[in-house]
Amino acid sequence: MKIFLLGFMGAGKSYWGKQLAEHLELPFYDLDDVIVEAESMSISDIFANKGEDYFRAKEGFWLRELSESENFVISCGGGVPCFQDNMDIMNERGTTIWLNPELPVIVERLKRKKSKRPLIQDLPDEELLAFVEKKLAERESFYRQAQITIAESDSITLDTFTQRLNNNA
């Protein structure tokens, strides 16, 4: 089973990815962590020193490398589906799940971890909602290509994932 978790930053991809991988007894990869390890620098440092284009190229490279594996759960960075032909690759090679929490939930989560997120780390809290709305509008057409959508209002549990995966099979 090959599962790709998609969604905006703060959607819960890493959290649910770990839970789901453990539950299904599959290897778990957080694409951001894989890049940090391979580059020996933080995402913020990669953005600052090598630029966003370099980072997006690395996302595409590692997405393709990891998706050659037999079984896995991959937590993708929020922008992964929007660059190169990543969304097509994920839909061809496995099951894509869009985690789509409500906007206030995303904003509240991001406020707590801004320093780890290069796209928002210098943004004042009062501008965060407008930024998220704008970016989400840009990315939504890509996210909507996911085979499964799970909204926060679904009261997510591991059963939510397994039921949706079974219904999608």
N, C-alpha and C. Protein backbone atom coordinates (compact mmCIF):
# COMPACT_ATOMS: atom_id res chain seq x y z
N MET A 1 0.84 -1.18 0.00
CA MET A 1 0.00 0.00 0.00
C MET A 1 0.89 1.25 0.00
N LYS A 2 0.57 2.18 -0.89
CA LYS A 2 1.33 3.43 -1.01
C LYS A 2 0.38 4.60 -0.76
N ILE A 3 0.66 5.35 0.30
CA ILE A 3 -0.24 6.43 0.70
C ILE A 3 0.54 7.74 0.75
N PHE A 4 -0.01 8.76 0.10
CA PHE A 4 0.55 10.11 0.12
C PHE A 4 -0.43 11.02 0.85
N LEU A 5 0.02 11.67 1.92
CA LEU A 5 -0.82 12.63 2.63
C LEU A 5 -0.49 14.03 2.14
N LEU A 6 -1.53 14.75 1.72
CA LEU A 6 -1.39 16.09 1.17
C LEU A 6 -2.18 17.07 2.02
N GLY A 7 -1.87 18.34 1.84
CA GLY A 7 -2.64 19.38 2.50
C GLY A 7 -1.76 20.56 2.83
N PHE A 8 -2.40 21.63 3.23
CA PHE A 8 -1.69 22.85 3.56
C PHE A 8 -0.83 22.64 4.82
N MET A 9 0.18 23.50 4.99
CA MET A 9 0.97 23.38 6.21
C MET A 9 0.03 23.54 7.41
N GLY A 10 0.27 22.74 8.43
CA GLY A 10 -0.57 22.77 9.62
C GLY A 10 -1.81 21.90 9.52
N ALA A 11 -1.94 21.15 8.42
CA ALA A 11 -3.14 20.31 8.23
C ALA A 11 -3.10 19.03 9.08
N GLY A 12 -1.93 18.65 9.56
CA GLY A 12 -1.81 17.44 10.37
C GLY A 12 -1.20 16.26 9.63
N LYS A 13 -0.53 16.53 8.52
CA LYS A 13 0.03 15.45 7.69
C LYS A 13 1.07 14.62 8.43
N SER A 14 1.99 15.28 9.12
CA SER A 14 3.03 14.55 9.84
C SER A 14 2.44 13.75 11.00
N TYR A 15 1.56 14.39 11.75
CA TYR A 15 0.93 13.72 12.89
C TYR A 15 0.18 12.47 12.42
N TRP A 16 -0.73 12.64 11.46
CA TRP A 16 -1.53 11.50 11.01
C TRP A 16 -0.71 10.51 10.22
N GLY A 17 0.32 10.99 9.53
CA GLY A 17 1.19 10.08 8.79
C GLY A 17 1.86 9.07 9.70
N LYS A 18 2.39 9.56 10.81
CA LYS A 18 3.04 8.66 11.78
C LYS A 18 2.04 7.67 12.35
N GLN A 19 0.86 8.18 12.73
CA GLN A 19 -0.17 7.32 13.32
C GLN A 19 -0.63 6.24 12.32
N LEU A 20 -0.88 6.67 11.10
CA LEU A 20 -1.38 5.76 10.08
C LEU A 20 -0.34 4.71 9.71
N ALA A 21 0.90 5.15 9.56
CA ALA A 21 1.97 4.20 9.22
C ALA A 21 2.12 3.14 10.31
N GLU A 22 2.08 3.56 11.55
CA GLU A 22 2.19 2.60 12.66
C GLU A 22 0.99 1.66 12.65
N HIS A 23 -0.19 2.21 12.47
CA HIS A 23 -1.42 1.42 12.47
C HIS A 23 -1.42 0.38 11.34
N LEU A 24 -0.94 0.78 10.17
CA LEU A 24 -0.93 -0.12 9.02
C LEU A 24 0.37 -0.91 8.89
N GLU A 25 1.29 -0.68 9.83
CA GLU A 25 2.59 -1.34 9.85
C GLU A 25 3.35 -1.10 8.54
N LEU A 26 3.42 0.18 8.17
CA LEU A 26 4.12 0.61 6.96
C LEU A 26 5.24 1.56 7.33
N PRO A 27 6.29 1.65 6.51
CA PRO A 27 7.32 2.66 6.74
C PRO A 27 6.72 4.07 6.57
N PHE A 28 7.20 5.00 7.38
CA PHE A 28 6.73 6.39 7.31
C PHE A 28 7.87 7.30 6.89
N TYR A 29 7.58 8.19 5.94
CA TYR A 29 8.54 9.20 5.52
C TYR A 29 7.87 10.57 5.58
N ASP A 30 8.51 11.48 6.28
CA ASP A 30 8.10 12.88 6.21
C ASP A 30 9.04 13.51 5.19
N LEU A 31 8.51 13.95 4.07
CA LEU A 31 9.34 14.43 2.96
C LEU A 31 10.27 15.57 3.41
N ASP A 32 9.77 16.46 4.25
CA ASP A 32 10.61 17.55 4.76
C ASP A 32 11.80 17.00 5.56
N ASP A 33 11.54 16.01 6.41
CA ASP A 33 12.62 15.42 7.22
C ASP A 33 13.65 14.72 6.34
N VAL A 34 13.20 14.06 5.30
CA VAL A 34 14.11 13.38 4.37
C VAL A 34 15.03 14.40 3.71
N ILE A 35 14.46 15.53 3.30
CA ILE A 35 15.26 16.58 2.66
C ILE A 35 16.24 17.20 3.65
N VAL A 36 15.79 17.48 4.85
CA VAL A 36 16.66 18.05 5.89
C VAL A 36 17.86 17.13 6.14
N GLU A 37 17.60 15.83 6.23
CA GLU A 37 18.68 14.88 6.47
C GLU A 37 19.63 14.82 5.28
N ALA A 38 19.07 14.76 4.08
CA ALA A 38 19.91 14.65 2.88
C ALA A 38 20.75 15.91 2.65
N GLU A 39 20.20 17.05 2.97
CA GLU A 39 20.89 18.33 2.74
C GLU A 39 21.72 18.78 3.93
N SER A 40 21.54 18.14 5.06
CA SER A 40 22.22 18.52 6.31
C SER A 40 22.00 19.99 6.67
N MET A 41 20.79 20.46 6.42
CA MET A 41 20.41 21.81 6.85
C MET A 41 18.89 21.90 6.96
N SER A 42 18.44 22.85 7.75
CA SER A 42 17.00 23.01 7.96
C SER A 42 16.32 23.53 6.70
N ILE A 43 15.01 23.36 6.64
CA ILE A 43 14.24 23.87 5.50
C ILE A 43 14.45 25.38 5.39
N SER A 44 14.40 26.07 6.51
CA SER A 44 14.61 27.53 6.49
C SER A 44 15.97 27.90 5.91
N ASP A 45 17.01 27.14 6.28
CA ASP A 45 18.34 27.40 5.74
C ASP A 45 18.42 27.07 4.24
N ILE A 46 17.74 26.02 3.82
CA ILE A 46 17.71 25.69 2.39
C ILE A 46 17.07 26.84 1.62
N PHE A 47 15.93 27.32 2.10
CA PHE A 47 15.25 28.44 1.44
C PHE A 47 16.17 29.67 1.41
N ALA A 48 16.82 29.96 2.53
CA ALA A 48 17.65 31.17 2.64
C ALA A 48 18.92 31.07 1.79
N ASN A 49 19.56 29.90 1.76
CA ASN A 49 20.85 29.75 1.10
C ASN A 49 20.78 29.26 -0.34
N LYS A 50 19.76 28.45 -0.64
CA LYS A 50 19.70 27.84 -1.98
C LYS A 50 18.45 28.22 -2.75
N GLY A 51 17.45 28.77 -2.05
CA GLY A 51 16.25 29.25 -2.70
C GLY A 51 15.12 28.23 -2.76
N GLU A 52 13.91 28.75 -3.00
CA GLU A 52 12.74 27.89 -3.05
C GLU A 52 12.78 26.93 -4.24
N ASP A 53 13.27 27.39 -5.39
CA ASP A 53 13.32 26.51 -6.57
C ASP A 53 14.16 25.27 -6.30
N TYR A 54 15.30 25.46 -5.63
CA TYR A 54 16.17 24.34 -5.28
C TYR A 54 15.41 23.36 -4.37
N PHE A 55 14.73 23.93 -3.37
CA PHE A 55 13.97 23.10 -2.43
C PHE A 55 12.89 22.31 -3.15
N ARG A 56 12.15 22.96 -4.05
CA ARG A 56 11.08 22.29 -4.79
C ARG A 56 11.64 21.17 -5.68
N ALA A 57 12.81 21.39 -6.24
CA ALA A 57 13.46 20.34 -7.04
C ALA A 57 13.80 19.13 -6.17
N LYS A 58 14.28 19.39 -4.96
CA LYS A 58 14.61 18.30 -4.03
C LYS A 58 13.34 17.55 -3.60
N GLU A 59 12.25 18.29 -3.40
CA GLU A 59 10.98 17.62 -3.06
C GLU A 59 10.60 16.64 -4.17
N GLY A 60 10.67 17.11 -5.41
CA GLY A 60 10.32 16.25 -6.55
C GLY A 60 11.22 15.04 -6.65
N PHE A 61 12.52 15.26 -6.45
CA PHE A 61 13.48 14.15 -6.52
C PHE A 61 13.16 13.10 -5.46
N TRP A 62 13.03 13.52 -4.20
CA TRP A 62 12.80 12.56 -3.11
C TRP A 62 11.43 11.92 -3.19
N LEU A 63 10.43 12.66 -3.67
CA LEU A 63 9.11 12.08 -3.86
C LEU A 63 9.20 10.89 -4.83
N ARG A 64 9.90 11.09 -5.92
CA ARG A 64 10.04 10.02 -6.91
C ARG A 64 10.85 8.84 -6.35
N GLU A 65 11.94 9.15 -5.68
CA GLU A 65 12.78 8.10 -5.09
C GLU A 65 11.98 7.24 -4.10
N LEU A 66 11.33 7.90 -3.15
CA LEU A 66 10.61 7.18 -2.10
C LEU A 66 9.41 6.42 -2.66
N SER A 67 8.78 6.97 -3.69
CA SER A 67 7.57 6.33 -4.21
C SER A 67 7.87 5.08 -5.04
N GLU A 68 9.15 4.79 -5.24
CA GLU A 68 9.53 3.53 -5.89
C GLU A 68 9.43 2.36 -4.92
N SER A 69 9.37 2.65 -3.61
CA SER A 69 9.26 1.60 -2.59
C SER A 69 7.94 0.85 -2.73
N GLU A 70 7.89 -0.32 -2.13
CA GLU A 70 6.69 -1.17 -2.20
C GLU A 70 5.53 -0.61 -1.39
N ASN A 71 5.80 -0.27 -0.14
CA ASN A 71 4.76 0.16 0.80
C ASN A 71 5.27 1.33 1.61
N PHE A 72 4.39 2.28 1.90
CA PHE A 72 4.81 3.44 2.70
C PHE A 72 3.63 4.35 2.97
N VAL A 73 3.86 5.26 3.91
CA VAL A 73 3.04 6.46 4.08
C VAL A 73 4.01 7.62 3.96
N ILE A 74 3.73 8.55 3.06
CA ILE A 74 4.57 9.73 2.91
C ILE A 74 3.76 10.97 3.26
N SER A 75 4.27 11.75 4.18
CA SER A 75 3.71 13.06 4.49
C SER A 75 4.42 14.07 3.59
N CYS A 76 3.66 14.68 2.69
CA CYS A 76 4.24 15.62 1.73
C CYS A 76 4.14 17.05 2.26
N GLY A 77 5.12 17.86 1.95
CA GLY A 77 5.03 19.27 2.27
C GLY A 77 3.85 19.89 1.55
N GLY A 78 3.34 21.00 2.08
CA GLY A 78 2.13 21.63 1.55
C GLY A 78 2.20 21.99 0.09
N GLY A 79 3.39 22.30 -0.42
CA GLY A 79 3.52 22.71 -1.81
C GLY A 79 3.80 21.59 -2.79
N VAL A 80 4.10 20.41 -2.29
CA VAL A 80 4.51 19.30 -3.16
C VAL A 80 3.56 19.05 -4.34
N PRO A 81 2.24 18.99 -4.11
CA PRO A 81 1.35 18.69 -5.24
C PRO A 81 1.34 19.76 -6.34
N CYS A 82 1.83 20.95 -6.02
CA CYS A 82 1.68 22.11 -6.90
C CYS A 82 2.85 22.31 -7.85
N PHE A 83 3.88 21.51 -7.75
CA PHE A 83 5.08 21.73 -8.55
C PHE A 83 5.37 20.50 -9.40
N GLN A 84 6.09 20.77 -10.51
CA GLN A 84 6.45 19.73 -11.48
C GLN A 84 5.18 18.95 -11.82
N ASP A 85 5.27 17.66 -11.95
CA ASP A 85 4.07 16.86 -12.17
C ASP A 85 3.86 15.94 -10.96
N ASN A 86 4.16 16.46 -9.79
CA ASN A 86 4.11 15.66 -8.56
C ASN A 86 2.74 15.06 -8.28
N MET A 87 1.68 15.82 -8.52
CA MET A 87 0.34 15.31 -8.23
C MET A 87 0.03 14.12 -9.12
N ASP A 88 0.40 14.20 -10.39
CA ASP A 88 0.18 13.08 -11.30
C ASP A 88 0.97 11.85 -10.86
N ILE A 89 2.22 12.07 -10.47
CA ILE A 89 3.08 10.96 -10.00
C ILE A 89 2.43 10.27 -8.80
N MET A 90 1.97 11.06 -7.84
CA MET A 90 1.37 10.48 -6.63
C MET A 90 0.10 9.71 -6.95
N ASN A 91 -0.75 10.28 -7.79
CA ASN A 91 -2.00 9.59 -8.14
C ASN A 91 -1.75 8.32 -8.94
N GLU A 92 -0.69 8.29 -9.74
CA GLU A 92 -0.35 7.10 -10.51
C GLU A 92 0.25 6.00 -9.64
N ARG A 93 1.03 6.40 -8.65
CA ARG A 93 1.80 5.42 -7.87
C ARG A 93 1.15 4.97 -6.58
N GLY A 94 0.09 5.66 -6.15
CA GLY A 94 -0.50 5.28 -4.87
C GLY A 94 -1.82 5.97 -4.63
N THR A 95 -2.20 6.04 -3.36
CA THR A 95 -3.44 6.67 -2.95
C THR A 95 -3.12 8.03 -2.33
N THR A 96 -3.78 9.06 -2.82
CA THR A 96 -3.56 10.41 -2.30
C THR A 96 -4.72 10.79 -1.38
N ILE A 97 -4.36 11.33 -0.22
CA ILE A 97 -5.36 11.75 0.76
C ILE A 97 -5.11 13.22 1.10
N TRP A 98 -6.12 14.05 0.87
CA TRP A 98 -6.04 15.47 1.20
C TRP A 98 -6.62 15.68 2.58
N LEU A 99 -5.78 16.12 3.52
CA LEU A 99 -6.24 16.52 4.84
C LEU A 99 -6.62 18.00 4.74
N ASN A 100 -7.88 18.29 5.00
CA ASN A 100 -8.42 19.62 4.76
C ASN A 100 -9.14 20.17 5.98
N PRO A 101 -8.38 20.58 7.00
CA PRO A 101 -9.02 21.16 8.18
C PRO A 101 -9.60 22.54 7.86
N GLU A 102 -10.43 23.02 8.74
CA GLU A 102 -11.03 24.35 8.58
C GLU A 102 -9.95 25.41 8.75
N LEU A 103 -10.14 26.54 8.08
CA LEU A 103 -9.16 27.62 8.06
C LEU A 103 -8.71 28.09 9.45
N PRO A 104 -9.63 28.34 10.39
CA PRO A 104 -9.18 28.80 11.72
C PRO A 104 -8.27 27.79 12.42
N VAL A 105 -8.50 26.51 12.17
CA VAL A 105 -7.67 25.46 12.77
C VAL A 105 -6.25 25.55 12.21
N ILE A 106 -6.13 25.69 10.91
CA ILE A 106 -4.82 25.81 10.27
C ILE A 106 -4.07 27.03 10.82
N VAL A 107 -4.75 28.18 10.85
CA VAL A 107 -4.11 29.43 11.30
C VAL A 107 -3.63 29.30 12.75
N GLU A 108 -4.44 28.71 13.59
CA GLU A 108 -4.05 28.56 15.00
C GLU A 108 -2.83 27.65 15.14
N ARG A 109 -2.81 26.57 14.39
CA ARG A 109 -1.66 25.66 14.43
C ARG A 109 -0.40 26.35 13.92
N LEU A 110 -0.53 27.13 12.86
CA LEU A 110 0.63 27.80 12.27
C LEU A 110 1.20 28.88 13.18
N LYS A 111 0.35 29.55 13.91
CA LYS A 111 0.83 30.59 14.84
C LYS A 111 1.82 29.99 15.84
N ARG A 112 1.58 28.76 16.23
CA ARG A 112 2.42 28.12 17.24
C ARG A 112 3.76 27.65 16.69
N LYS A 113 3.88 27.48 15.38
CA LYS A 113 5.12 26.91 14.83
C LYS A 113 5.66 27.71 13.65
N LYS A 114 5.47 29.01 13.68
CA LYS A 114 5.89 29.85 12.56
C LYS A 114 7.38 29.78 12.29
N SER A 115 8.18 29.68 13.33
CA SER A 115 9.64 29.73 13.15
C SER A 115 10.17 28.58 12.30
N LYS A 116 9.43 27.49 12.23
CA LYS A 116 9.88 26.32 11.46
C LYS A 116 9.39 26.35 10.01
N ARG A 117 8.68 27.40 9.65
CA ARG A 117 8.05 27.45 8.33
C ARG A 117 8.52 28.69 7.57
N PRO A 118 9.43 28.49 6.61
CA PRO A 118 10.05 29.63 5.92
C PRO A 118 9.07 30.57 5.21
N LEU A 119 7.97 30.05 4.73
CA LEU A 119 7.04 30.91 4.00
C LEU A 119 6.29 31.89 4.92
N ILE A 120 6.24 31.58 6.22
CA ILE A 120 5.48 32.44 7.13
C ILE A 120 6.27 32.94 8.34
N GLN A 121 7.52 32.55 8.46
CA GLN A 121 8.25 32.84 9.70
C GLN A 121 8.36 34.34 10.01
N ASP A 122 8.39 35.20 8.99
CA ASP A 122 8.51 36.64 9.21
C ASP A 122 7.17 37.37 9.12
N LEU A 123 6.10 36.63 9.00
CA LEU A 123 4.78 37.22 8.83
C LEU A 123 4.15 37.53 10.19
N PRO A 124 3.64 38.76 10.38
CA PRO A 124 2.94 39.05 11.65
C PRO A 124 1.67 38.20 11.76
N ASP A 125 1.31 37.83 12.98
CA ASP A 125 0.14 36.97 13.21
C ASP A 125 -1.12 37.52 12.56
N GLU A 126 -1.28 38.84 12.59
CA GLU A 126 -2.51 39.43 12.04
C GLU A 126 -2.60 39.31 10.51
N GLU A 127 -1.48 38.98 9.86
CA GLU A 127 -1.49 38.80 8.40
C GLU A 127 -1.56 37.33 8.00
N LEU A 128 -1.51 36.47 8.98
CA LEU A 128 -1.44 35.03 8.70
C LEU A 128 -2.71 34.51 8.01
N LEU A 129 -3.88 34.92 8.49
CA LEU A 129 -5.13 34.44 7.89
C LEU A 129 -5.21 34.80 6.41
N ALA A 130 -4.89 36.03 6.07
CA ALA A 130 -4.94 36.47 4.67
C ALA A 130 -3.95 35.68 3.82
N PHE A 131 -2.76 35.43 4.36
CA PHE A 131 -1.75 34.65 3.65
C PHE A 131 -2.26 33.23 3.38
N VAL A 132 -2.80 32.60 4.42
CA VAL A 132 -3.29 31.22 4.29
C VAL A 132 -4.43 31.16 3.27
N GLU A 133 -5.35 32.11 3.34
CA GLU A 133 -6.46 32.13 2.38
C GLU A 133 -5.95 32.22 0.95
N LYS A 134 -4.98 33.12 0.73
CA LYS A 134 -4.44 33.34 -0.61
C LYS A 134 -3.71 32.08 -1.12
N LYS A 135 -2.80 31.54 -0.29
CA LYS A 135 -2.03 30.36 -0.69
C LYS A 135 -2.93 29.14 -0.89
N LEU A 136 -3.89 28.99 -0.01
CA LEU A 136 -4.80 27.87 -0.12
C LEU A 136 -5.62 27.96 -1.42
N ALA A 137 -6.03 29.16 -1.77
CA ALA A 137 -6.76 29.36 -3.03
C ALA A 137 -5.88 28.97 -4.22
N GLU A 138 -4.58 29.28 -4.15
CA GLU A 138 -3.65 28.92 -5.23
C GLU A 138 -3.45 27.41 -5.33
N ARG A 139 -3.47 26.75 -4.21
CA ARG A 139 -3.13 25.32 -4.17
C ARG A 139 -4.33 24.39 -4.23
N GLU A 140 -5.51 24.91 -3.98
CA GLU A 140 -6.69 24.06 -3.83
C GLU A 140 -6.98 23.20 -5.06
N SER A 141 -6.76 23.73 -6.26
CA SER A 141 -7.03 22.94 -7.46
C SER A 141 -6.14 21.69 -7.52
N PHE A 142 -4.95 21.78 -6.96
CA PHE A 142 -4.07 20.61 -6.90
C PHE A 142 -4.55 19.63 -5.83
N TYR A 143 -4.86 20.17 -4.64
CA TYR A 143 -5.33 19.32 -3.55
C TYR A 143 -6.61 18.57 -3.94
N ARG A 144 -7.48 19.23 -4.69
CA ARG A 144 -8.75 18.61 -5.10
C ARG A 144 -8.56 17.39 -6.00
N GLN A 145 -7.37 17.22 -6.54
CA GLN A 145 -7.09 16.05 -7.38
C GLN A 145 -6.82 14.79 -6.55
N ALA A 146 -6.76 14.94 -5.23
CA ALA A 146 -6.55 13.79 -4.36
C ALA A 146 -7.72 12.82 -4.48
N GLN A 147 -7.43 11.55 -4.31
CA GLN A 147 -8.44 10.51 -4.43
C GLN A 147 -9.39 10.47 -3.23
N ILE A 148 -8.89 10.90 -2.08
CA ILE A 148 -9.68 10.91 -0.84
C ILE A 148 -9.50 12.27 -0.18
N THR A 149 -10.58 12.82 0.35
CA THR A 149 -10.50 14.06 1.13
C THR A 149 -11.02 13.78 2.53
N ILE A 150 -10.26 14.23 3.51
CA ILE A 150 -10.70 14.12 4.90
C ILE A 150 -10.70 15.52 5.48
N ALA A 151 -11.89 15.98 5.88
CA ALA A 151 -12.04 17.31 6.46
C ALA A 151 -12.02 17.20 7.98
N GLU A 152 -11.60 18.27 8.63
CA GLU A 152 -11.51 18.30 10.09
C GLU A 152 -12.86 17.98 10.73
N SER A 153 -13.92 18.40 10.06
CA SER A 153 -15.26 18.16 10.63
C SER A 153 -15.60 16.68 10.66
N ASP A 154 -14.75 15.86 10.03
CA ASP A 154 -14.96 14.41 10.05
C ASP A 154 -14.58 13.77 11.39
N SER A 155 -14.16 14.57 12.37
CA SER A 155 -13.68 14.02 13.65
C SER A 155 -12.72 12.87 13.37
N ILE A 156 -11.57 13.21 12.87
CA ILE A 156 -10.62 12.23 12.37
C ILE A 156 -10.15 11.26 13.45
N THR A 157 -10.18 9.98 13.09
CA THR A 157 -9.56 8.92 13.87
C THR A 157 -8.84 8.02 12.87
N LEU A 158 -8.10 7.06 13.36
CA LEU A 158 -7.47 6.10 12.45
C LEU A 158 -8.52 5.34 11.66
N ASP A 159 -9.68 5.10 12.27
CA ASP A 159 -10.77 4.43 11.56
C ASP A 159 -11.24 5.24 10.36
N THR A 160 -11.20 6.59 10.48
CA THR A 160 -11.58 7.44 9.36
C THR A 160 -10.72 7.09 8.14
N PHE A 161 -9.41 6.97 8.38
CA PHE A 161 -8.49 6.66 7.28
C PHE A 161 -8.75 5.26 6.71
N THR A 162 -8.86 4.27 7.59
CA THR A 162 -9.02 2.91 7.10
C THR A 162 -10.35 2.74 6.36
N GLN A 163 -11.41 3.38 6.85
CA GLN A 163 -12.70 3.31 6.15
C GLN A 163 -12.60 3.95 4.76
N ARG A 164 -11.99 5.12 4.69
CA ARG A 164 -11.87 5.81 3.41
C ARG A 164 -10.97 5.04 2.44
N LEU A 165 -9.91 4.44 2.98
CA LEU A 165 -9.02 3.65 2.13
C LEU A 165 -9.74 2.42 1.59
N ASN A 166 -10.51 1.77 2.45
CA ASN A 166 -11.28 0.58 2.02
C ASN A 166 -12.33 0.95 0.98
N ASN A 167 -12.99 2.09 1.17
CA ASN A 167 -14.01 2.55 0.21
C ASN A 167 -13.39 2.92 -1.13
N ASN A 168 -12.12 3.33 -1.09
CA ASN A 168 -11.43 3.78 -2.31
C ASN A 168 -10.83 2.60 -3.08
N ALA A 169 -10.69 1.46 -2.41
CA ALA A 169 -10.00 0.31 -3.03
C ALA A 169 -10.75 -0.26 -4.22
